PDB file of N, CA and C in Angstrom:
ATOM      1  N   MET A   1       0.848  -1.177   0.010  1.00  0.00           N
ATOM      2  CA  MET A   1      -0.011   0.005  -0.005  1.00  0.00           C
ATOM      3  C   MET A   1       0.891   1.213  -0.013  1.00  0.00           C
ATOM      4  N   ALA A   2       0.513   2.178  -0.774  1.00  0.00           N
ATOM      5  CA  ALA A   2       1.322   3.429  -0.889  1.00  0.00           C
ATOM      6  C   ALA A   2       1.213   4.242   0.397  1.00  0.00           C
ATOM      7  N   ASP A   3       2.259   5.057   0.636  1.00  0.00           N
ATOM      8  CA  ASP A   3       2.274   5.899   1.803  1.00  0.00           C
ATOM      9  C   ASP A   3       1.475   7.165   1.621  1.00  0.00           C
ATOM     10  N   SER A   4       1.160   7.483   0.417  1.00  0.00           N
ATOM     11  CA  SER A   4       0.391   8.715   0.186  1.00  0.00           C
ATOM     12  C   SER A   4      -1.115   8.421   0.261  1.00  0.00           C
ATOM     13  N   ILE A   5      -1.871   9.450   0.531  1.00  0.00           N
ATOM     14  CA  ILE A   5      -3.331   9.301   0.583  1.00  0.00           C
ATOM     15  C   ILE A   5      -3.872   9.346  -0.818  1.00  0.00           C
ATOM     16  N   PRO A   6      -4.668   8.352  -1.204  1.00  0.00           N
ATOM     17  CA  PRO A   6      -5.192   8.353  -2.581  1.00  0.00           C
ATOM     18  C   PRO A   6      -6.228   9.434  -2.774  1.00  0.00           C
ATOM     19  N   ASP A   7      -6.486   9.749  -4.064  1.00  0.00           N
ATOM     20  CA  ASP A   7      -7.526  10.687  -4.381  1.00  0.00           C
ATOM     21  C   ASP A   7      -8.881  10.203  -3.894  1.00  0.00           C
ATOM     22  N   TRP A   8      -9.847  11.084  -3.712  1.00  0.00           N
ATOM     23  CA  TRP A   8     -11.166  10.725  -3.147  1.00  0.00           C
ATOM     24  C   TRP A   8     -11.829   9.610  -3.916  1.00  0.00           C
ATOM     25  N   HIS A   9     -11.771   9.650  -5.241  1.00  0.00           N
ATOM     26  CA  HIS A   9     -12.461   8.648  -6.023  1.00  0.00           C
ATOM     27  C   HIS A   9     -11.775   7.286  -5.961  1.00  0.00           C
ATOM     28  N   GLU A  10     -10.578   7.221  -5.443  1.00  0.00           N
ATOM     29  CA  GLU A  10      -9.851   5.957  -5.343  1.00  0.00           C
ATOM     30  C   GLU A  10     -10.012   5.263  -3.982  1.00  0.00           C
ATOM     31  N   ILE A  11     -10.714   5.915  -3.032  1.00  0.00           N
ATOM     32  CA  ILE A  11     -10.821   5.342  -1.683  1.00  0.00           C
ATOM     33  C   ILE A  11     -11.847   4.204  -1.703  1.00  0.00           C
ATOM     34  N   ASP A  12     -11.436   3.089  -1.157  1.00  0.00           N
ATOM     35  CA  ASP A  12     -12.335   1.937  -1.010  1.00  0.00           C
ATOM     36  C   ASP A  12     -12.887   1.969   0.407  1.00  0.00           C
ATOM     37  N   PHE A  13     -14.146   2.299   0.569  1.00  0.00           N
ATOM     38  CA  PHE A  13     -14.720   2.487   1.890  1.00  0.00           C
ATOM     39  C   PHE A  13     -14.924   1.173   2.630  1.00  0.00           C
ATOM     40  N   TRP A  14     -14.716   0.066   1.986  1.00  0.00           N
ATOM     41  CA  TRP A  14     -14.858  -1.232   2.687  1.00  0.00           C
ATOM     42  C   TRP A  14     -13.533  -1.715   3.225  1.00  0.00           C
ATOM     43  N   SER A  15     -12.476  -1.016   2.938  1.00  0.00           N
ATOM     44  CA  SER A  15     -11.154  -1.384   3.479  1.00  0.00           C
ATOM     45  C   SER A  15     -10.888  -0.591   4.736  1.00  0.00           C
ATOM     46  N   SER A  16      -9.735  -0.856   5.353  1.00  0.00           N
ATOM     47  CA  SER A  16      -9.384  -0.119   6.562  1.00  0.00           C
ATOM     48  C   SER A  16      -8.561   1.135   6.249  1.00  0.00           C
ATOM     49  N   TYR A  17      -8.395   1.442   4.979  1.00  0.00           N
ATOM     50  CA  TYR A  17      -7.620   2.637   4.618  1.00  0.00           C
ATOM     51  C   TYR A  17      -8.501   3.566   3.849  1.00  0.00           C
ATOM     52  N   PRO A  18      -8.648   4.794   4.178  1.00  0.00           N
ATOM     53  CA  PRO A  18      -8.076   5.463   5.339  1.00  0.00           C
ATOM     54  C   PRO A  18      -8.875   5.164   6.600  1.00  0.00           C
ATOM     55  N   ILE A  19     -10.184   5.169   6.517  1.00  0.00           N
ATOM     56  CA  ILE A  19     -11.029   4.833   7.666  1.00  0.00           C
ATOM     57  C   ILE A  19     -12.193   4.001   7.143  1.00  0.00           C
ATOM     58  N   ASN A  20     -12.547   2.955   7.837  1.00  0.00           N
ATOM     59  CA  ASN A  20     -13.620   2.053   7.401  1.00  0.00           C
ATOM     60  C   ASN A  20     -14.946   2.661   7.818  1.00  0.00           C
ATOM     61  N   GLY A  21     -15.523   3.428   6.932  1.00  0.00           N
ATOM     62  CA  GLY A  21     -16.759   4.153   7.175  1.00  0.00           C
ATOM     63  C   GLY A  21     -17.941   3.268   7.550  1.00  0.00           C
ATOM     64  N   PRO A  22     -18.253   2.234   6.780  1.00  0.00           N
ATOM     65  CA  PRO A  22     -19.385   1.384   7.146  1.00  0.00           C
ATOM     66  C   PRO A  22     -19.248   0.729   8.497  1.00  0.00           C
ATOM     67  N   ALA A  23     -18.044   0.341   8.889  1.00  0.00           N
ATOM     68  CA  ALA A  23     -17.836  -0.249  10.212  1.00  0.00           C
ATOM     69  C   ALA A  23     -18.115   0.792  11.292  1.00  0.00           C
ATOM     70  N   LEU A  24     -17.684   2.023  11.063  1.00  0.00           N
ATOM     71  CA  LEU A  24     -17.962   3.061  12.054  1.00  0.00           C
ATOM     72  C   LEU A  24     -19.445   3.340  12.185  1.00  0.00           C
ATOM     73  N   TRP A  25     -20.159   3.358  11.056  1.00  0.00           N
ATOM     74  CA  TRP A  25     -21.628   3.539  11.099  1.00  0.00           C
ATOM     75  C   TRP A  25     -22.290   2.389  11.852  1.00  0.00           C
ATOM     76  N   ALA A  26     -21.793   1.159  11.615  1.00  0.00           N
ATOM     77  CA  ALA A  26     -22.378   0.019  12.310  1.00  0.00           C
ATOM     78  C   ALA A  26     -22.128   0.091  13.797  1.00  0.00           C
ATOM     79  N   ILE A  27     -20.927   0.449  14.185  1.00  0.00           N
ATOM     80  CA  ILE A  27     -20.609   0.601  15.612  1.00  0.00           C
ATOM     81  C   ILE A  27     -21.454   1.678  16.252  1.00  0.00           C
ATOM     82  N   GLY A  28     -21.572   2.804  15.539  1.00  0.00           N
ATOM     83  CA  GLY A  28     -22.418   3.904  16.065  1.00  0.00           C
ATOM     84  C   GLY A  28     -23.871   3.489  16.226  1.00  0.00           C
ATOM     85  N   ALA A  29     -24.397   2.750  15.233  1.00  0.00           N
ATOM     86  CA  ALA A  29     -25.772   2.286  15.348  1.00  0.00           C
ATOM     87  C   ALA A  29     -25.960   1.318  16.499  1.00  0.00           C
ATOM     88  N   LEU A  30     -24.944   0.432  16.701  1.00  0.00           N
ATOM     89  CA  LEU A  30     -24.997  -0.501  17.812  1.00  0.00           C
ATOM     90  C   LEU A  30     -24.963   0.236  19.139  1.00  0.00           C
ATOM     91  N   MET A  31     -24.075   1.241  19.268  1.00  0.00           N
ATOM     92  CA  MET A  31     -24.018   2.013  20.520  1.00  0.00           C
ATOM     93  C   MET A  31     -25.295   2.788  20.772  1.00  0.00           C
ATOM     94  N   ALA A  32     -25.906   3.345  19.702  1.00  0.00           N
ATOM     95  CA  ALA A  32     -27.152   4.045  19.855  1.00  0.00           C
ATOM     96  C   ALA A  32     -28.254   3.067  20.289  1.00  0.00           C
ATOM     97  N   GLY A  33     -28.222   1.892  19.761  1.00  0.00           N
ATOM     98  CA  GLY A  33     -29.185   0.842  20.215  1.00  0.00           C
ATOM     99  C   GLY A  33     -28.982   0.484  21.659  1.00  0.00           C
ATOM    100  N   VAL A  34     -27.758   0.347  22.085  1.00  0.00           N
ATOM    101  CA  VAL A  34     -27.482   0.038  23.491  1.00  0.00           C
ATOM    102  C   VAL A  34     -27.955   1.171  24.409  1.00  0.00           C
ATOM    103  N   VAL A  35     -27.706   2.408  23.994  1.00  0.00           N
ATOM    104  CA  VAL A  35     -28.199   3.548  24.790  1.00  0.00           C
ATOM    105  C   VAL A  35     -29.693   3.533  24.859  1.00  0.00           C
ATOM    106  N   GLY A  36     -30.372   3.274  23.728  1.00  0.00           N
ATOM    107  CA  GLY A  36     -31.823   3.241  23.705  1.00  0.00           C
ATOM    108  C   GLY A  36     -32.410   2.145  24.599  1.00  0.00           C
ATOM    109  N   VAL A  37     -31.839   0.962  24.501  1.00  0.00           N
ATOM    110  CA  VAL A  37     -32.323  -0.163  25.340  1.00  0.00           C
ATOM    111  C   VAL A  37     -32.014   0.134  26.819  1.00  0.00           C
ATOM    112  N   SER A  38     -30.892   0.739  27.088  1.00  0.00           N
ATOM    113  CA  SER A  38     -30.563   1.071  28.502  1.00  0.00           C
ATOM    114  C   SER A  38     -31.511   2.085  29.087  1.00  0.00           C
ATOM    115  N   VAL A  39     -31.826   3.113  28.296  1.00  0.00           N
ATOM    116  CA  VAL A  39     -32.813   4.110  28.767  1.00  0.00           C
ATOM    117  C   VAL A  39     -34.194   3.481  28.916  1.00  0.00           C
ATOM    118  N   TRP A  40     -34.575   2.667  27.960  1.00  0.00           N
ATOM    119  CA  TRP A  40     -35.852   1.991  28.023  1.00  0.00           C
ATOM    120  C   TRP A  40     -35.943   1.072  29.252  1.00  0.00           C
ATOM    121  N   GLY A  41     -34.846   0.443  29.595  1.00  0.00           N
ATOM    122  CA  GLY A  41     -34.792  -0.417  30.787  1.00  0.00           C
ATOM    123  C   GLY A  41     -34.573   0.314  32.093  1.00  0.00           C
ATOM    124  N   GLY A  42     -34.317   1.615  32.028  1.00  0.00           N
ATOM    125  CA  GLY A  42     -34.133   2.395  33.248  1.00  0.00           C
ATOM    126  C   GLY A  42     -32.711   2.507  33.726  1.00  0.00           C
ATOM    127  N   ASP A  43     -31.739   2.048  32.982  1.00  0.00           N
ATOM    128  CA  ASP A  43     -30.336   2.097  33.367  1.00  0.00           C
ATOM    129  C   ASP A  43     -29.698   3.371  32.777  1.00  0.00           C
ATOM    130  N   TYR A  44     -30.009   4.481  33.405  1.00  0.00           N
ATOM    131  CA  TYR A  44     -29.552   5.780  32.897  1.00  0.00           C
ATOM    132  C   TYR A  44     -28.035   5.962  33.063  1.00  0.00           C
ATOM    133  N   TRP A  45     -27.457   5.408  34.138  1.00  0.00           N
ATOM    134  CA  TRP A  45     -26.033   5.441  34.293  1.00  0.00           C
ATOM    135  C   TRP A  45     -25.300   4.714  33.174  1.00  0.00           C
ATOM    136  N   GLY A  46     -25.771   3.534  32.859  1.00  0.00           N
ATOM    137  CA  GLY A  46     -25.155   2.747  31.787  1.00  0.00           C
ATOM    138  C   GLY A  46     -25.278   3.437  30.453  1.00  0.00           C
ATOM    139  N   ALA A  47     -26.459   4.039  30.219  1.00  0.00           N
ATOM    140  CA  ALA A  47     -26.660   4.753  28.962  1.00  0.00           C
ATOM    141  C   ALA A  47     -25.705   5.965  28.862  1.00  0.00           C
ATOM    142  N   GLY A  48     -25.550   6.654  29.999  1.00  0.00           N
ATOM    143  CA  GLY A  48     -24.638   7.785  30.006  1.00  0.00           C
ATOM    144  C   GLY A  48     -23.209   7.385  29.767  1.00  0.00           C
ATOM    145  N   MET A  49     -22.804   6.246  30.352  1.00  0.00           N
ATOM    146  CA  MET A  49     -21.427   5.806  30.158  1.00  0.00           C
ATOM    147  C   MET A  49     -21.171   5.377  28.690  1.00  0.00           C
ATOM    148  N   VAL A  50     -22.118   4.689  28.100  1.00  0.00           N
ATOM    149  CA  VAL A  50     -21.971   4.313  26.674  1.00  0.00           C
ATOM    150  C   VAL A  50     -21.952   5.535  25.805  1.00  0.00           C
ATOM    151  N   TRP A  51     -22.784   6.488  26.134  1.00  0.00           N
ATOM    152  CA  TRP A  51     -22.801   7.782  25.372  1.00  0.00           C
ATOM    153  C   TRP A  51     -21.461   8.474  25.502  1.00  0.00           C
ATOM    154  N   GLY A  52     -20.883   8.550  26.739  1.00  0.00           N
ATOM    155  CA  GLY A  52     -19.590   9.157  26.922  1.00  0.00           C
ATOM    156  C   GLY A  52     -18.461   8.454  26.157  1.00  0.00           C
ATOM    157  N   ILE A  53     -18.515   7.132  26.136  1.00  0.00           N
ATOM    158  CA  ILE A  53     -17.536   6.348  25.365  1.00  0.00           C
ATOM    159  C   ILE A  53     -17.696   6.648  23.872  1.00  0.00           C
ATOM    160  N   GLY A  54     -18.921   6.756  23.421  1.00  0.00           N
ATOM    161  CA  GLY A  54     -19.175   7.096  22.019  1.00  0.00           C
ATOM    162  C   GLY A  54     -18.654   8.449  21.653  1.00  0.00           C
ATOM    163  N   ILE A  55     -18.850   9.428  22.524  1.00  0.00           N
ATOM    164  CA  ILE A  55     -18.354  10.795  22.258  1.00  0.00           C
ATOM    165  C   ILE A  55     -16.810  10.767  22.197  1.00  0.00           C
ATOM    166  N   GLY A  56     -16.169  10.114  23.174  1.00  0.00           N
ATOM    167  CA  GLY A  56     -14.722  10.043  23.160  1.00  0.00           C
ATOM    168  C   GLY A  56     -14.176   9.341  21.920  1.00  0.00           C
ATOM    169  N   SER A  57     -14.832   8.264  21.499  1.00  0.00           N
ATOM    170  CA  SER A  57     -14.395   7.543  20.312  1.00  0.00           C
ATOM    171  C   SER A  57     -14.583   8.389  19.088  1.00  0.00           C
ATOM    172  N   GLY A  58     -15.701   9.107  19.028  1.00  0.00           N
ATOM    173  CA  GLY A  58     -15.962  10.017  17.883  1.00  0.00           C
ATOM    174  C   GLY A  58     -14.900  11.091  17.780  1.00  0.00           C
ATOM    175  N   CYS A  59     -14.464  11.629  18.929  1.00  0.00           N
ATOM    176  CA  CYS A  59     -13.431  12.646  18.910  1.00  0.00           C
ATOM    177  C   CYS A  59     -12.123  12.062  18.316  1.00  0.00           C
ATOM    178  N   PHE A  60     -11.768  10.832  18.699  1.00  0.00           N
ATOM    179  CA  PHE A  60     -10.551  10.239  18.170  1.00  0.00           C
ATOM    180  C   PHE A  60     -10.683   9.976  16.673  1.00  0.00           C
ATOM    181  N   VAL A  61     -11.834   9.522  16.235  1.00  0.00           N
ATOM    182  CA  VAL A  61     -12.032   9.260  14.797  1.00  0.00           C
ATOM    183  C   VAL A  61     -11.919  10.579  14.027  1.00  0.00           C
ATOM    184  N   TRP A  62     -12.565  11.620  14.536  1.00  0.00           N
ATOM    185  CA  TRP A  62     -12.524  12.920  13.838  1.00  0.00           C
ATOM    186  C   TRP A  62     -11.099  13.444  13.802  1.00  0.00           C
ATOM    187  N   ALA A  63     -10.316  13.260  14.867  1.00  0.00           N
ATOM    188  CA  ALA A  63      -8.931  13.667  14.902  1.00  0.00           C
ATOM    189  C   ALA A  63      -8.155  12.932  13.813  1.00  0.00           C
ATOM    190  N   ARG A  64      -8.392  11.634  13.670  1.00  0.00           N
ATOM    191  CA  ARG A  64      -7.696  10.844  12.681  1.00  0.00           C
ATOM    192  C   ARG A  64      -8.051  11.335  11.264  1.00  0.00           C
ATOM    193  N   MET A  65      -9.329  11.655  11.050  1.00  0.00           N
ATOM    194  CA  MET A  65      -9.752  12.157   9.745  1.00  0.00           C
ATOM    195  C   MET A  65      -9.089  13.485   9.419  1.00  0.00           C
ATOM    196  N   ARG A  66      -9.037  14.375  10.436  1.00  0.00           N
ATOM    197  CA  ARG A  66      -8.409  15.673  10.217  1.00  0.00           C
ATOM    198  C   ARG A  66      -6.922  15.532   9.944  1.00  0.00           C
ATOM    199  N   GLU A  67      -6.251  14.570  10.596  1.00  0.00           N
ATOM    200  CA  GLU A  67      -4.841  14.358  10.314  1.00  0.00           C
ATOM    201  C   GLU A  67      -4.645  13.893   8.853  1.00  0.00           C
ATOM    202  N   GLN A  68      -5.530  13.031   8.378  1.00  0.00           N
ATOM    203  CA  GLN A  68      -5.386  12.558   7.009  1.00  0.00           C
ATOM    204  C   GLN A  68      -5.657  13.700   6.000  1.00  0.00           C
ATOM    205  N   TRP A  69      -6.413  14.675   6.418  1.00  0.00           N
ATOM    206  CA  TRP A  69      -6.663  15.816   5.512  1.00  0.00           C
ATOM    207  C   TRP A  69      -5.574  16.892   5.653  1.00  0.00           C
ATOM    208  N   GLY A  70      -4.635  16.672   6.601  1.00  0.00           N
ATOM    209  CA  GLY A  70      -3.547  17.629   6.784  1.00  0.00           C
ATOM    210  C   GLY A  70      -3.892  18.745   7.711  1.00  0.00           C
ATOM    211  N   ALA A  71      -4.934  18.672   8.497  1.00  0.00           N
ATOM    212  CA  ALA A  71      -5.336  19.709   9.431  1.00  0.00           C
ATOM    213  C   ALA A  71      -4.895  19.360  10.856  1.00  0.00           C
ATOM    214  N   GLU A  72      -4.896  20.349  11.702  1.00  0.00           N
ATOM    215  CA  GLU A  72      -4.533  20.176  13.084  1.00  0.00           C
ATOM    216  C   GLU A  72      -5.595  19.366  13.812  1.00  0.00           C
ATOM    217  N   ALA A  73      -5.186  18.383  14.616  1.00  0.00           N
ATOM    218  CA  ALA A  73      -6.139  17.473  15.254  1.00  0.00           C
ATOM    219  C   ALA A  73      -5.906  17.278  16.734  1.00  0.00           C
ATOM    220  N   SER A  74      -4.918  17.949  17.328  1.00  0.00           N
ATOM    221  CA  SER A  74      -4.600  17.675  18.719  1.00  0.00           C
ATOM    222  C   SER A  74      -5.731  18.068  19.665  1.00  0.00           C
ATOM    223  N   GLY A  75      -6.509  19.087  19.350  1.00  0.00           N
ATOM    224  CA  GLY A  75      -7.611  19.498  20.190  1.00  0.00           C
ATOM    225  C   GLY A  75      -8.664  18.413  20.289  1.00  0.00           C
ATOM    226  N   TRP A  76      -8.965  17.772  19.170  1.00  0.00           N
ATOM    227  CA  TRP A  76      -9.942  16.688  19.133  1.00  0.00           C
ATOM    228  C   TRP A  76      -9.454  15.492  19.914  1.00  0.00           C
ATOM    229  N   ARG A  77      -8.150  15.237  19.811  1.00  0.00           N
ATOM    230  CA  ARG A  77      -7.573  14.097  20.554  1.00  0.00           C
ATOM    231  C   ARG A  77      -7.670  14.339  22.060  1.00  0.00           C
ATOM    232  N   TYR A  78      -7.376  15.613  22.484  1.00  0.00           N
ATOM    233  CA  TYR A  78      -7.498  15.945  23.899  1.00  0.00           C
ATOM    234  C   TYR A  78      -8.949  15.833  24.347  1.00  0.00           C
ATOM    235  N   ALA A  79      -9.877  16.216  23.498  1.00  0.00           N
ATOM    236  CA  ALA A  79     -11.288  16.084  23.860  1.00  0.00           C
ATOM    237  C   ALA A  79     -11.655  14.612  24.029  1.00  0.00           C
ATOM    238  N   GLY A  80     -11.120  13.737  23.199  1.00  0.00           N
ATOM    239  CA  GLY A  80     -11.374  12.309  23.355  1.00  0.00           C
ATOM    240  C   GLY A  80     -10.820  11.774  24.669  1.00  0.00           C
ATOM    241  N   PHE A  81      -9.595  12.190  24.993  1.00  0.00           N
ATOM    242  CA  PHE A  81      -9.004  11.796  26.272  1.00  0.00           C
ATOM    243  C   PHE A  81      -9.853  12.350  27.416  1.00  0.00           C
ATOM    244  N   GLY A  82     -10.337  13.556  27.282  1.00  0.00           N
ATOM    245  CA  GLY A  82     -11.190  14.163  28.310  1.00  0.00           C
ATOM    246  C   GLY A  82     -12.465  13.388  28.522  1.00  0.00           C
ATOM    247  N   ALA A  83     -13.117  12.971  27.457  1.00  0.00           N
ATOM    248  CA  ALA A  83     -14.369  12.204  27.554  1.00  0.00           C
ATOM    249  C   ALA A  83     -14.086  10.878  28.219  1.00  0.00           C
ATOM    250  N   PHE A  84     -13.021  10.185  27.787  1.00  0.00           N
ATOM    251  CA  PHE A  84     -12.711   8.886  28.409  1.00  0.00           C
ATOM    252  C   PHE A  84     -12.314   9.075  29.878  1.00  0.00           C
ATOM    253  N   GLY A  85     -11.578  10.167  30.173  1.00  0.00           N
ATOM    254  CA  GLY A  85     -11.223  10.434  31.555  1.00  0.00           C
ATOM    255  C   GLY A  85     -12.437  10.704  32.412  1.00  0.00           C
ATOM    256  N   LEU A  86     -13.409  11.429  31.894  1.00  0.00           N
ATOM    257  CA  LEU A  86     -14.631  11.698  32.635  1.00  0.00           C
ATOM    258  C   LEU A  86     -15.413  10.428  32.897  1.00  0.00           C
ATOM    259  N   VAL A  87     -15.528   9.566  31.863  1.00  0.00           N
ATOM    260  CA  VAL A  87     -16.217   8.295  32.077  1.00  0.00           C
ATOM    261  C   VAL A  87     -15.502   7.474  33.156  1.00  0.00           C
ATOM    262  N   THR A  88     -14.200   7.397  33.068  1.00  0.00           N
ATOM    263  CA  THR A  88     -13.408   6.657  34.067  1.00  0.00           C
ATOM    264  C   THR A  88     -13.604   7.224  35.464  1.00  0.00           C
ATOM    265  N   LEU A  89     -13.531   8.535  35.582  1.00  0.00           N
ATOM    266  CA  LEU A  89     -13.690   9.192  36.883  1.00  0.00           C
ATOM    267  C   LEU A  89     -15.069   8.932  37.473  1.00  0.00           C
ATOM    268  N   VAL A  90     -16.105   9.025  36.661  1.00  0.00           N
ATOM    269  CA  VAL A  90     -17.473   8.767  37.146  1.00  0.00           C
ATOM    270  C   VAL A  90     -17.580   7.317  37.589  1.00  0.00           C
ATOM    271  N   GLN A  91     -17.004   6.391  36.855  1.00  0.00           N
ATOM    272  CA  GLN A  91     -17.114   4.987  37.249  1.00  0.00           C
ATOM    273  C   GLN A  91     -16.365   4.729  38.544  1.00  0.00           C
ATOM    274  N   ILE A  92     -15.191   5.328  38.719  1.00  0.00           N
ATOM    275  CA  ILE A  92     -14.426   5.138  39.942  1.00  0.00           C
ATOM    276  C   ILE A  92     -15.187   5.740  41.135  1.00  0.00           C
ATOM    277  N   VAL A  93     -15.709   6.912  40.974  1.00  0.00           N
ATOM    278  CA  VAL A  93     -16.489   7.550  42.080  1.00  0.00           C
ATOM    279  C   VAL A  93     -17.720   6.722  42.387  1.00  0.00           C
ATOM    280  N   ARG A  94     -18.359   6.228  41.361  1.00  0.00           N
ATOM    281  CA  ARG A  94     -19.561   5.395  41.576  1.00  0.00           C
ATOM    282  C   ARG A  94     -19.215   4.122  42.327  1.00  0.00           C
ATOM    283  N   LEU A  95     -18.057   3.491  41.971  1.00  0.00           N
ATOM    284  CA  LEU A  95     -17.635   2.305  42.708  1.00  0.00           C
ATOM    285  C   LEU A  95     -17.305   2.563  44.188  1.00  0.00           C
ATOM    286  N   ILE A  96     -16.709   3.717  44.421  1.00  0.00           N
ATOM    287  CA  ILE A  96     -16.332   4.070  45.789  1.00  0.00           C
ATOM    288  C   ILE A  96     -17.548   4.434  46.649  1.00  0.00           C
ATOM    289  N   LEU A  97     -18.455   5.224  46.094  1.00  0.00           N
ATOM    290  CA  LEU A  97     -19.574   5.731  46.852  1.00  0.00           C
ATOM    291  C   LEU A  97     -20.763   4.732  46.953  1.00  0.00           C
ATOM    292  N   PHE A  98     -20.925   3.909  45.964  1.00  0.00           N
ATOM    293  CA  PHE A  98     -22.106   3.032  45.977  1.00  0.00           C
ATOM    294  C   PHE A  98     -21.633   1.648  46.128  1.00  0.00           C
TER     295      PHE A  98
END
């Protein structure tokens, strides 16, 4: 595989290069389903945690896409770390207090 990014019309969206779009859509739909079922079942904490993980993951994916376009992406990466850190902190506090 070449080191350069191919032109837009040459990108195969079913491969892992540059980013596997259909797989990301499938994971997003699965996470949305998990959040929906959790809310329906009354597990609001679980839904919030899955939502936070989805936000953090989305920030990392967006940072990767911006890097491939040649744009600055460190802010999005820090936002992803922040979302994951918040989810981790909430889980630790919940384990200690409850």
